């Protein structure tokens, strides 16, 4: 891993940051107690979570403002999230609650919830990926993935559990499996492993995994396919890295590094046209975070 990391650093030094810093902007989430997840809703509109209350904000990157949209029931958290505009559903990971939630994107109503693990069993439901057939959730404390089927726009009342093997099953880190992205029509998943700073390819039928060669992403958090065979990884070390994946999804090469003076411990990313919306988690202030305000930072792709 050391040689790979050295190559990544060398390439990053030779590659100018892709962000035009003068166009970056921070959209404040008013009175938020933290934020970790952000997702595209439709057009230039995004949703972002209030980490410690589970509330959901809705904002527009052109208008540069956001407002509280969903007042979540007491006791909920909001970490990673994904929205399915075709079904009008928003899937939200519940962090240390061990749960996942689904909301109606039109009304903000709570549609369903799932208790994947029950504390004090170690659990941290961290992020979500969507397929044509449902939603996958990661657990940073368990070598498991959870799947909620969706049929004709209606989430199932039950969920399925996939046991992981191979490198994705490594639980030696404080946080392990984190960001997640469906590929190959949902037959495979790319799962970011925060503890090992790698991306793993997971078979959704068997749970077997292999590590993508040539990709080193220390402090990786959320990931997202942002183009054809292009994956963007959020690294808590105040940068995004953009990777070109091989046609067989077995390896990747670094294309560019995106930085911004507005980044403060970024966690997840959403693509809105030629812009990226990045959640500023500010975990550099501790966990739970103690910053005075929280925002979504908008940068060029």
C-alpha atoms as a PDB file:
ATOM      1  CA  UNK A   1       0.000   0.000   0.000  1.00  0.00           C
ATOM      2  CA  UNK A   2       2.894   2.363   0.722  1.00  0.00           C
ATOM      3  CA  UNK A   3       4.107   2.279  -2.894  1.00  0.00           C
ATOM      4  CA  UNK A   4       0.608   2.876  -4.208  1.00  0.00           C
ATOM      5  CA  UNK A   5       0.089   5.787  -1.832  1.00  0.00           C
ATOM      6  CA  UNK A   6       3.410   7.324  -2.873  1.00  0.00           C
ATOM      7  CA  UNK A   7       2.368   7.110  -6.522  1.00  0.00           C
ATOM      8  CA  UNK A   8      -0.981   8.737  -5.754  1.00  0.00           C
ATOM      9  CA  UNK A   9       0.677  11.591  -3.878  1.00  0.00           C
ATOM     10  CA  UNK A  10       3.186  12.136  -6.682  1.00  0.00           C
ATOM     11  CA  UNK A  11       0.413  12.221  -9.271  1.00  0.00           C
ATOM     12  CA  UNK A  12      -1.624  14.621  -7.159  1.00  0.00           C
ATOM     13  CA  UNK A  13       1.327  17.005  -6.936  1.00  0.00           C
ATOM     14  CA  UNK A  14       1.643  17.010 -10.711  1.00  0.00           C
ATOM     15  CA  UNK A  15      -2.090  17.426 -11.264  1.00  0.00           C
ATOM     16  CA  UNK A  16      -3.452  20.912 -10.551  1.00  0.00           C
ATOM     17  CA  UNK A  17      -6.621  20.983  -8.459  1.00  0.00           C
ATOM     18  CA  UNK A  18      -9.655  20.885 -10.705  1.00  0.00           C
ATOM     19  CA  UNK A  19     -11.702  23.324  -8.667  1.00  0.00           C
ATOM     20  CA  UNK A  20     -11.899  26.972  -9.702  1.00  0.00           C
ATOM     21  CA  UNK A  21     -11.879  28.230  -6.131  1.00  0.00           C
ATOM     22  CA  UNK A  22     -13.409  31.597  -6.960  1.00  0.00           C
ATOM     23  CA  UNK A  23     -16.615  29.807  -8.007  1.00  0.00           C
ATOM     24  CA  UNK A  24     -16.941  27.682  -4.858  1.00  0.00           C
ATOM     25  CA  UNK A  25     -19.799  28.521  -2.545  1.00  0.00           C
ATOM     26  CA  UNK A  26     -21.046  27.326   0.826  1.00  0.00           C
ATOM     27  CA  UNK A  27     -24.792  26.845   1.329  1.00  0.00           C
ATOM     28  CA  UNK A  28     -25.594  27.020   5.029  1.00  0.00           C
ATOM     29  CA  UNK A  29     -27.994  24.518   6.585  1.00  0.00           C
ATOM     30  CA  UNK A  30     -29.799  26.836   9.026  1.00  0.00           C
ATOM     31  CA  UNK A  31     -29.588  25.754  12.682  1.00  0.00           C
ATOM     32  CA  UNK A  32     -28.235  22.307  11.764  1.00  0.00           C
ATOM     33  CA  UNK A  33     -26.555  20.363  14.576  1.00  0.00           C
ATOM     34  CA  UNK A  34     -24.244  18.627  12.104  1.00  0.00           C
ATOM     35  CA  UNK A  35     -24.320  17.175   8.622  1.00  0.00           C
ATOM     36  CA  UNK A  36     -22.881  14.100   6.950  1.00  0.00           C
ATOM     37  CA  UNK A  37     -25.053  13.105   3.997  1.00  0.00           C
ATOM     38  CA  UNK A  38     -26.036  14.897   0.787  1.00  0.00           C
ATOM     39  CA  UNK A  39     -27.864  13.640  -2.316  1.00  0.00           C
ATOM     40  CA  UNK A  40     -29.286  14.985  -5.551  1.00  0.00           C
ATOM     41  CA  UNK A  41     -33.070  15.279  -5.454  1.00  0.00           C
ATOM     42  CA  UNK A  42     -33.775  16.595  -8.958  1.00  0.00           C
ATOM     43  CA  UNK A  43     -32.313  19.187 -11.304  1.00  0.00           C
ATOM     44  CA  UNK A  44     -30.186  21.572  -9.243  1.00  0.00           C
ATOM     45  CA  UNK A  45     -31.917  20.659  -5.985  1.00  0.00           C
ATOM     46  CA  UNK A  46     -30.234  18.629  -3.252  1.00  0.00           C
ATOM     47  CA  UNK A  47     -31.144  17.210   0.126  1.00  0.00           C
ATOM     48  CA  UNK A  48     -28.805  17.069   3.130  1.00  0.00           C
ATOM     49  CA  UNK A  49     -29.228  15.628   6.602  1.00  0.00           C
ATOM     50  CA  UNK A  50     -28.974  17.068  10.088  1.00  0.00           C
ATOM     51  CA  UNK A  51     -26.670  14.482  11.607  1.00  0.00           C
ATOM     52  CA  UNK A  52     -27.880  14.509  15.211  1.00  0.00           C
ATOM     53  CA  UNK A  53     -31.619  15.063  14.715  1.00  0.00           C
ATOM     54  CA  UNK A  54     -32.224  13.157  11.476  1.00  0.00           C
ATOM     55  CA  UNK A  55     -33.986  16.187   9.955  1.00  0.00           C
ATOM     56  CA  UNK A  56     -33.591  16.730   6.210  1.00  0.00           C
ATOM     57  CA  UNK A  57     -32.816  20.032   4.471  1.00  0.00           C
ATOM     58  CA  UNK A  58     -33.649  20.856   0.882  1.00  0.00           C
ATOM     59  CA  UNK A  59     -31.559  23.354  -1.065  1.00  0.00           C
ATOM     60  CA  UNK A  60     -30.824  24.663  -4.549  1.00  0.00           C
ATOM     61  CA  UNK A  61     -27.282  25.266  -5.777  1.00  0.00           C
ATOM     62  CA  UNK A  62     -28.328  28.128  -8.089  1.00  0.00           C
ATOM     63  CA  UNK A  63     -30.255  30.006  -5.418  1.00  0.00           C
ATOM     64  CA  UNK A  64     -27.586  29.226  -2.815  1.00  0.00           C
ATOM     65  CA  UNK A  65     -30.059  28.615   0.001  1.00  0.00           C
ATOM     66  CA  UNK A  66     -31.428  25.651   1.932  1.00  0.00           C
ATOM     67  CA  UNK A  67     -34.321  25.169   4.332  1.00  0.00           C
ATOM     68  CA  UNK A  68     -35.509  22.451   6.670  1.00  0.00           C
ATOM     69  CA  UNK A  69     -37.776  20.121   4.714  1.00  0.00           C
ATOM     70  CA  UNK A  70     -38.377  17.042   6.900  1.00  0.00           C
ATOM     71  CA  UNK A  71     -38.801  17.145  10.670  1.00  0.00           C
ATOM     72  CA  UNK A  72     -37.706  13.613  11.536  1.00  0.00           C
ATOM     73  CA  UNK A  73     -39.179  11.734  14.513  1.00  0.00           C
ATOM     74  CA  UNK A  74     -37.201  12.026  17.763  1.00  0.00           C
ATOM     75  CA  UNK A  75     -34.237   9.706  18.172  1.00  0.00           C
ATOM     76  CA  UNK A  76     -33.215   9.551  14.530  1.00  0.00           C
ATOM     77  CA  UNK A  77     -29.803  10.307  12.972  1.00  0.00           C
ATOM     78  CA  UNK A  78     -29.001  11.077   9.326  1.00  0.00           C
ATOM     79  CA  UNK A  79     -25.729   9.980   7.737  1.00  0.00           C
ATOM     80  CA  UNK A  80     -25.488   8.968   4.049  1.00  0.00           C
ATOM     81  CA  UNK A  81     -28.545   9.189   1.801  1.00  0.00           C
ATOM     82  CA  UNK A  82     -29.793   8.687  -1.746  1.00  0.00           C
ATOM     83  CA  UNK A  83     -32.959   9.914  -3.454  1.00  0.00           C
ATOM     84  CA  UNK A  84     -34.949   8.100  -6.133  1.00  0.00           C
ATOM     85  CA  UNK A  85     -36.969  10.807  -7.909  1.00  0.00           C
ATOM     86  CA  UNK A  86     -38.773   8.282 -10.121  1.00  0.00           C
ATOM     87  CA  UNK A  87     -40.374   6.679  -7.063  1.00  0.00           C
ATOM     88  CA  UNK A  88     -40.355   9.831  -4.934  1.00  0.00           C
ATOM     89  CA  UNK A  89     -38.380   8.135  -2.172  1.00  0.00           C
ATOM     90  CA  UNK A  90     -35.445   9.238  -0.027  1.00  0.00           C
ATOM     91  CA  UNK A  91     -33.368   6.549   1.712  1.00  0.00           C
ATOM     92  CA  UNK A  92     -31.380   7.670   4.761  1.00  0.00           C
ATOM     93  CA  UNK A  93     -28.800   5.781   6.820  1.00  0.00           C
ATOM     94  CA  UNK A  94     -29.274   6.137  10.572  1.00  0.00           C
ATOM     95  CA  UNK A  95     -25.708   5.919  11.896  1.00  0.00           C
ATOM     96  CA  UNK A  96     -25.454   4.670  15.503  1.00  0.00           C
ATOM     97  CA  UNK A  97     -29.189   3.920  15.723  1.00  0.00           C
ATOM     98  CA  UNK A  98     -28.611   0.766  13.627  1.00  0.00           C
ATOM     99  CA  UNK A  99     -31.558   1.797  11.456  1.00  0.00           C
ATOM    100  CA  UNK A 100     -32.423   3.006   7.973  1.00  0.00           C
ATOM    101  CA  UNK A 101     -35.296   5.276   6.996  1.00  0.00           C
ATOM    102  CA  UNK A 102     -37.374   6.023   3.910  1.00  0.00           C
ATOM    103  CA  UNK A 103     -39.188   9.326   3.307  1.00  0.00           C
ATOM    104  CA  UNK A 104     -41.579  10.648   0.669  1.00  0.00           C
ATOM    105  CA  UNK A 105     -39.700  13.317  -1.317  1.00  0.00           C
ATOM    106  CA  UNK A 106     -42.925  15.128  -2.220  1.00  0.00           C
ATOM    107  CA  UNK A 107     -44.541  15.432   1.207  1.00  0.00           C
ATOM    108  CA  UNK A 108     -41.651  14.727   3.574  1.00  0.00           C
ATOM    109  CA  UNK A 109     -43.699  12.016   5.265  1.00  0.00           C
ATOM    110  CA  UNK A 110     -41.979   9.012   6.826  1.00  0.00           C
ATOM    111  CA  UNK A 111     -42.689   5.966   4.660  1.00  0.00           C
ATOM    112  CA  UNK A 112     -40.904   3.138   6.481  1.00  0.00           C
ATOM    113  CA  UNK A 113     -37.996   2.307   8.774  1.00  0.00           C
ATOM    114  CA  UNK A 114     -35.770  -0.736   9.311  1.00  0.00           C
ATOM    115  CA  UNK A 115     -33.870  -1.822  12.419  1.00  0.00           C
ATOM    116  CA  UNK A 116     -30.859  -3.526  10.854  1.00  0.00           C
ATOM    117  CA  UNK A 117     -29.030  -3.885  14.182  1.00  0.00           C
ATOM    118  CA  UNK A 118     -30.126  -3.110  17.727  1.00  0.00           C
ATOM    119  CA  UNK A 119     -27.678  -1.282  20.000  1.00  0.00           C
ATOM    120  CA  UNK A 120     -25.726  -2.073  22.145  1.00  0.00           C
ATOM    121  CA  UNK A 121     -24.713  -4.440  19.338  1.00  0.00           C
ATOM    122  CA  UNK A 122     -21.918  -2.522  17.535  1.00  0.00           C
ATOM    123  CA  UNK A 123     -23.404  -0.794  14.506  1.00  0.00           C
ATOM    124  CA  UNK A 124     -23.103   2.332  12.403  1.00  0.00           C
ATOM    125  CA  UNK A 125     -25.355   2.441   9.350  1.00  0.00           C
ATOM    126  CA  UNK A 126     -23.296   4.740   7.183  1.00  0.00           C
ATOM    127  CA  UNK A 127     -24.385   5.094   3.577  1.00  0.00           C
ATOM    128  CA  UNK A 128     -26.835   4.031   0.869  1.00  0.00           C
ATOM    129  CA  UNK A 129     -26.738   2.945  -2.787  1.00  0.00           C
ATOM    130  CA  UNK A 130     -29.740   2.521  -5.061  1.00  0.00           C
ATOM    131  CA  UNK A 131     -30.408  -0.109  -7.716  1.00  0.00           C
ATOM    132  CA  UNK A 132     -33.429  -0.757  -9.908  1.00  0.00           C
ATOM    133  CA  UNK A 133     -34.642  -3.235  -7.308  1.00  0.00           C
ATOM    134  CA  UNK A 134     -33.997  -1.462  -4.012  1.00  0.00           C
ATOM    135  CA  UNK A 135     -31.495   0.123  -1.644  1.00  0.00           C
ATOM    136  CA  UNK A 136     -28.258  -1.195  -0.089  1.00  0.00           C
ATOM    137  CA  UNK A 137     -27.021   0.095   3.275  1.00  0.00           C
ATOM    138  CA  UNK A 138     -23.503  -0.236   4.710  1.00  0.00           C
ATOM    139  CA  UNK A 139     -22.622  -0.916   8.346  1.00  0.00           C
ATOM    140  CA  UNK A 140     -19.206   0.365   9.445  1.00  0.00           C
ATOM    141  CA  UNK A 141     -19.188  -1.944  12.482  1.00  0.00           C
ATOM    142  CA  UNK A 142     -20.388  -5.206  10.928  1.00  0.00           C
ATOM    143  CA  UNK A 143     -19.202  -7.291   7.946  1.00  0.00           C
ATOM    144  CA  UNK A 144     -22.725  -7.049   6.584  1.00  0.00           C
ATOM    145  CA  UNK A 145     -24.740  -5.152   3.995  1.00  0.00           C
ATOM    146  CA  UNK A 146     -28.515  -4.696   4.227  1.00  0.00           C
ATOM    147  CA  UNK A 147     -30.903  -4.611   1.272  1.00  0.00           C
ATOM    148  CA  UNK A 148     -34.394  -3.127   1.197  1.00  0.00           C
ATOM    149  CA  UNK A 149     -36.337  -4.335  -1.869  1.00  0.00           C
ATOM    150  CA  UNK A 150     -38.565  -1.829  -3.669  1.00  0.00           C
ATOM    151  CA  UNK A 151     -41.366  -3.138  -5.892  1.00  0.00           C
ATOM    152  CA  UNK A 152     -43.412  -0.762  -8.051  1.00  0.00           C
ATOM    153  CA  UNK A 153     -42.232   2.178  -5.968  1.00  0.00           C
ATOM    154  CA  UNK A 154     -43.167   0.581  -2.637  1.00  0.00           C
ATOM    155  CA  UNK A 155     -40.403  -0.365  -0.168  1.00  0.00           C
ATOM    156  CA  UNK A 156     -40.698  -3.831   1.330  1.00  0.00           C
ATOM    157  CA  UNK A 157     -41.635  -4.130   4.994  1.00  0.00           C
ATOM    158  CA  UNK A 158     -38.645  -6.454   5.480  1.00  0.00           C
ATOM    159  CA  UNK A 159     -34.955  -6.367   4.576  1.00  0.00           C
ATOM    160  CA  UNK A 160     -32.295  -8.869   3.525  1.00  0.00           C
ATOM    161  CA  UNK A 161     -28.805  -9.274   5.004  1.00  0.00           C
ATOM    162  CA  UNK A 162     -25.676 -10.075   2.963  1.00  0.00           C
ATOM    163  CA  UNK A 163     -22.646 -11.471   4.805  1.00  0.00           C
ATOM    164  CA  UNK A 164     -19.352 -10.210   3.385  1.00  0.00           C
ATOM    165  CA  UNK A 165     -16.153 -12.161   2.826  1.00  0.00           C
ATOM    166  CA  UNK A 166     -12.721 -11.138   1.608  1.00  0.00           C
ATOM    167  CA  UNK A 167     -11.247  -7.663   2.201  1.00  0.00           C
ATOM    168  CA  UNK A 168     -14.656  -6.004   2.672  1.00  0.00           C
ATOM    169  CA  UNK A 169     -15.153  -8.180   5.771  1.00  0.00           C
ATOM    170  CA  UNK A 170     -12.181  -6.580   7.577  1.00  0.00           C
ATOM    171  CA  UNK A 171     -13.401  -4.967  10.822  1.00  0.00           C
ATOM    172  CA  UNK A 172     -10.009  -3.910  12.176  1.00  0.00           C
ATOM    173  CA  UNK A 173     -10.662  -0.184  11.753  1.00  0.00           C
ATOM    174  CA  UNK A 174     -12.750   2.169  13.866  1.00  0.00           C
ATOM    175  CA  UNK A 175     -14.905   2.734  10.778  1.00  0.00           C
ATOM    176  CA  UNK A 176     -14.821   0.101   8.056  1.00  0.00           C
ATOM    177  CA  UNK A 177     -17.327  -0.169   5.197  1.00  0.00           C
ATOM    178  CA  UNK A 178     -18.631   3.284   4.399  1.00  0.00           C
ATOM    179  CA  UNK A 179     -19.553   4.795   1.017  1.00  0.00           C
ATOM    180  CA  UNK A 180     -21.272   2.528  -1.498  1.00  0.00           C
ATOM    181  CA  UNK A 181     -22.100   2.611  -5.212  1.00  0.00           C
ATOM    182  CA  UNK A 182     -24.060   0.111  -7.294  1.00  0.00           C
ATOM    183  CA  UNK A 183     -22.506  -0.979 -10.617  1.00  0.00           C
ATOM    184  CA  UNK A 184     -23.316  -3.508 -13.343  1.00  0.00           C
ATOM    185  CA  UNK A 185     -27.031  -2.982 -12.923  1.00  0.00           C
ATOM    186  CA  UNK A 186     -26.844  -3.670  -9.209  1.00  0.00           C
ATOM    187  CA  UNK A 187     -25.200  -7.086  -9.530  1.00  0.00           C
ATOM    188  CA  UNK A 188     -22.028  -5.644  -8.024  1.00  0.00           C
ATOM    189  CA  UNK A 189     -21.281  -2.929  -5.506  1.00  0.00           C
ATOM    190  CA  UNK A 190     -18.219  -0.777  -4.971  1.00  0.00           C
ATOM    191  CA  UNK A 191     -17.789  -0.271  -1.236  1.00  0.00           C
ATOM    192  CA  UNK A 192     -15.322   2.163   0.302  1.00  0.00           C
ATOM    193  CA  UNK A 193     -13.372   0.827   3.282  1.00  0.00           C
ATOM    194  CA  UNK A 194     -12.408   3.760   5.505  1.00  0.00           C
ATOM    195  CA  UNK A 195     -10.079   1.785   7.761  1.00  0.00           C
ATOM    196  CA  UNK A 196      -7.965   0.437   4.901  1.00  0.00           C
ATOM    197  CA  UNK A 197      -8.283   3.380   2.506  1.00  0.00           C
ATOM    198  CA  UNK A 198      -9.365   1.192  -0.421  1.00  0.00           C
ATOM    199  CA  UNK A 199     -12.344   0.412  -2.623  1.00  0.00           C
ATOM    200  CA  UNK A 200     -13.698  -3.130  -2.735  1.00  0.00           C
ATOM    201  CA  UNK A 201     -15.877  -4.742  -5.387  1.00  0.00           C
ATOM    202  CA  UNK A 202     -18.643  -6.841  -3.798  1.00  0.00           C
ATOM    203  CA  UNK A 203     -20.751  -9.533  -5.439  1.00  0.00           C
ATOM    204  CA  UNK A 204     -24.353  -8.992  -4.307  1.00  0.00           C
ATOM    205  CA  UNK A 205     -25.168 -12.698  -4.630  1.00  0.00           C
ATOM    206  CA  UNK A 206     -22.308 -14.198  -2.613  1.00  0.00           C
ATOM    207  CA  UNK A 207     -20.884 -11.306  -0.585  1.00  0.00           C
ATOM    208  CA  UNK A 208     -17.390 -12.121  -1.886  1.00  0.00           C
ATOM    209  CA  UNK A 209     -15.141  -9.100  -2.406  1.00  0.00           C
ATOM    210  CA  UNK A 210     -11.904  -8.058  -4.072  1.00  0.00           C
ATOM    211  CA  UNK A 211      -9.914  -4.832  -3.790  1.00  0.00           C
ATOM    212  CA  UNK A 212      -9.672  -2.541  -6.818  1.00  0.00           C
ATOM    213  CA  UNK A 213      -6.002  -2.326  -7.775  1.00  0.00           C
ATOM    214  CA  UNK A 214      -4.182   0.992  -8.097  1.00  0.00           C
ATOM    215  CA  UNK A 215      -6.587   2.993  -5.924  1.00  0.00           C
ATOM    216  CA  UNK A 216      -5.443   4.382  -2.579  1.00  0.00           C
ATOM    217  CA  UNK A 217      -7.933   6.627  -0.789  1.00  0.00           C
ATOM    218  CA  UNK A 218      -6.867   7.256   2.825  1.00  0.00           C
ATOM    219  CA  UNK A 219      -9.736   8.549   5.008  1.00  0.00           C
ATOM    220  CA  UNK A 220     -12.264   7.676   2.305  1.00  0.00           C
ATOM    221  CA  UNK A 221     -15.901   8.355   3.128  1.00  0.00           C
ATOM    222  CA  UNK A 222     -18.638   8.695   0.512  1.00  0.00           C
ATOM    223  CA  UNK A 223     -18.214   7.602  -3.117  1.00  0.00           C
ATOM    224  CA  UNK A 224     -20.237   8.278  -6.259  1.00  0.00           C
ATOM    225  CA  UNK A 225     -20.119   7.396  -9.942  1.00  0.00           C
ATOM    226  CA  UNK A 226     -19.922  10.858 -11.540  1.00  0.00           C
ATOM    227  CA  UNK A 227     -19.369   9.827 -15.157  1.00  0.00           C
ATOM    228  CA  UNK A 228     -18.904   6.832 -17.437  1.00  0.00           C
ATOM    229  CA  UNK A 229     -16.406   4.670 -15.552  1.00  0.00           C
ATOM    230  CA  UNK A 230     -15.593   7.730 -13.433  1.00  0.00           C
ATOM    231  CA  UNK A 231     -15.820   7.458  -9.657  1.00  0.00           C
ATOM    232  CA  UNK A 232     -15.394  10.338  -7.215  1.00  0.00           C
ATOM    233  CA  UNK A 233     -14.220   9.537  -3.690  1.00  0.00           C
ATOM    234  CA  UNK A 234     -14.578  11.935  -0.775  1.00  0.00           C
ATOM    235  CA  UNK A 235     -11.580  11.907   1.539  1.00  0.00           C
ATOM    236  CA  UNK A 236     -11.924  13.470   4.970  1.00  0.00           C
ATOM    237  CA  UNK A 237      -8.475  15.018   4.428  1.00  0.00           C
ATOM    238  CA  UNK A 238     -10.223  17.921   2.636  1.00  0.00           C
ATOM    239  CA  UNK A 239     -10.164  16.617  -0.917  1.00  0.00           C
ATOM    240  CA  UNK A 240     -12.053  14.674  -3.543  1.00  0.00           C
ATOM    241  CA  UNK A 241     -10.225  12.291  -5.848  1.00  0.00           C
ATOM    242  CA  UNK A 242     -11.613  11.329  -9.247  1.00  0.00           C
ATOM    243  CA  UNK A 243     -10.728   7.876 -10.579  1.00  0.00           C
ATOM    244  CA  UNK A 244     -11.011   6.306 -14.013  1.00  0.00           C
ATOM    245  CA  UNK A 245     -12.123   2.697 -13.523  1.00  0.00           C
ATOM    246  CA  UNK A 246     -11.118  -0.106 -15.840  1.00  0.00           C
ATOM    247  CA  UNK A 247     -13.799  -1.661 -18.032  1.00  0.00           C
ATOM    248  CA  UNK A 248     -13.839  -4.756 -15.807  1.00  0.00           C
ATOM    249  CA  UNK A 249     -13.998  -2.660 -12.604  1.00  0.00           C
ATOM    250  CA  UNK A 250     -10.913  -4.351 -11.221  1.00  0.00           C
ATOM    251  CA  UNK A 251      -8.604  -1.321 -11.056  1.00  0.00           C
ATOM    252  CA  UNK A 252      -8.472   2.440 -11.383  1.00  0.00           C
ATOM    253  CA  UNK A 253      -6.171   5.351 -12.172  1.00  0.00           C
ATOM    254  CA  UNK A 254      -6.209   8.822 -10.688  1.00  0.00           C
ATOM    255  CA  UNK A 255      -7.638  11.479 -13.042  1.00  0.00           C
ATOM    256  CA  UNK A 256      -7.697  14.566 -10.844  1.00  0.00           C
ATOM    257  CA  UNK A 257      -7.854  15.967  -7.347  1.00  0.00           C
ATOM    258  CA  UNK A 258     -10.491  18.503  -6.318  1.00  0.00           C
ATOM    259  CA  UNK A 259      -9.815  20.778  -3.371  1.00  0.00           C
ATOM    260  CA  UNK A 260     -11.485  23.849  -1.944  1.00  0.00           C
ATOM    261  CA  UNK A 261     -10.590  26.296   0.819  1.00  0.00           C
ATOM    262  CA  UNK A 262     -14.188  25.815   1.981  1.00  0.00           C
ATOM    263  CA  UNK A 263     -13.777  22.102   2.688  1.00  0.00           C
ATOM    264  CA  UNK A 264     -13.748  21.182   6.378  1.00  0.00           C
ATOM    265  CA  UNK A 265     -13.756  17.410   6.797  1.00  0.00           C
ATOM    266  CA  UNK A 266     -15.957  16.612   3.753  1.00  0.00           C
ATOM    267  CA  UNK A 267     -17.940  13.391   3.967  1.00  0.00           C
ATOM    268  CA  UNK A 268     -20.269  12.730   1.007  1.00  0.00           C
ATOM    269  CA  UNK A 269     -20.914  14.084  -2.474  1.00  0.00           C
ATOM    270  CA  UNK A 270     -23.785  14.531  -4.930  1.00  0.00           C
ATOM    271  CA  UNK A 271     -23.560  15.413  -8.605  1.00  0.00           C
ATOM    272  CA  UNK A 272     -25.817  18.173  -9.945  1.00  0.00           C
ATOM    273  CA  UNK A 273     -24.923  18.756 -13.583  1.00  0.00           C
ATOM    274  CA  UNK A 274     -21.433  20.223 -13.823  1.00  0.00           C
ATOM    275  CA  UNK A 275     -21.301  20.893 -10.088  1.00  0.00           C
ATOM    276  CA  UNK A 276     -20.635  18.728  -7.064  1.00  0.00           C
ATOM    277  CA  UNK A 277     -22.369  19.314  -3.733  1.00  0.00           C
ATOM    278  CA  UNK A 278     -20.201  18.190  -0.819  1.00  0.00           C
ATOM    279  CA  UNK A 279     -21.330  17.827   2.806  1.00  0.00           C
ATOM    280  CA  UNK A 280     -18.967  19.515   5.295  1.00  0.00           C
ATOM    281  CA  UNK A 281     -19.126  17.151   8.281  1.00  0.00           C
ATOM    282  CA  UNK A 282     -16.573  19.081  10.398  1.00  0.00           C
ATOM    283  CA  UNK A 283     -15.641  15.989  12.412  1.00  0.00           C
ATOM    284  CA  UNK A 284     -12.307  17.713  12.992  1.00  0.00           C
ATOM    285  CA  UNK A 285     -14.198  19.406  15.863  1.00  0.00           C
ATOM    286  CA  UNK A 286     -14.975  15.990  17.406  1.00  0.00           C
ATOM    287  CA  UNK A 287     -17.803  13.474  17.316  1.00  0.00           C
ATOM    288  CA  UNK A 288     -20.435  14.616  17.731  1.00  0.00           C
ATOM    289  CA  UNK A 289     -19.146  17.759  15.990  1.00  0.00           C
ATOM    290  CA  UNK A 290     -19.289  21.139  17.745  1.00  0.00           C
ATOM    291  CA  UNK A 291     -18.993  23.670  14.913  1.00  0.00           C
ATOM    292  CA  UNK A 292     -21.087  26.837  14.962  1.00  0.00           C
ATOM    293  CA  UNK A 293     -22.644  26.091  11.558  1.00  0.00           C
ATOM    294  CA  UNK A 294     -22.767  23.402   8.890  1.00  0.00           C
ATOM    295  CA  UNK A 295     -23.004  23.715   5.150  1.00  0.00           C
ATOM    296  CA  UNK A 296     -22.934  22.050   1.756  1.00  0.00           C
ATOM    297  CA  UNK A 297     -20.018  23.219  -0.389  1.00  0.00           C
ATOM    298  CA  UNK A 298     -20.597  23.513  -4.150  1.00  0.00           C
ATOM    299  CA  UNK A 299     -17.584  23.070  -6.459  1.00  0.00           C
ATOM    300  CA  UNK A 300     -16.985  22.400 -10.149  1.00  0.00           C
ATOM    301  CA  UNK A 301     -16.775  18.786 -11.317  1.00  0.00           C
END
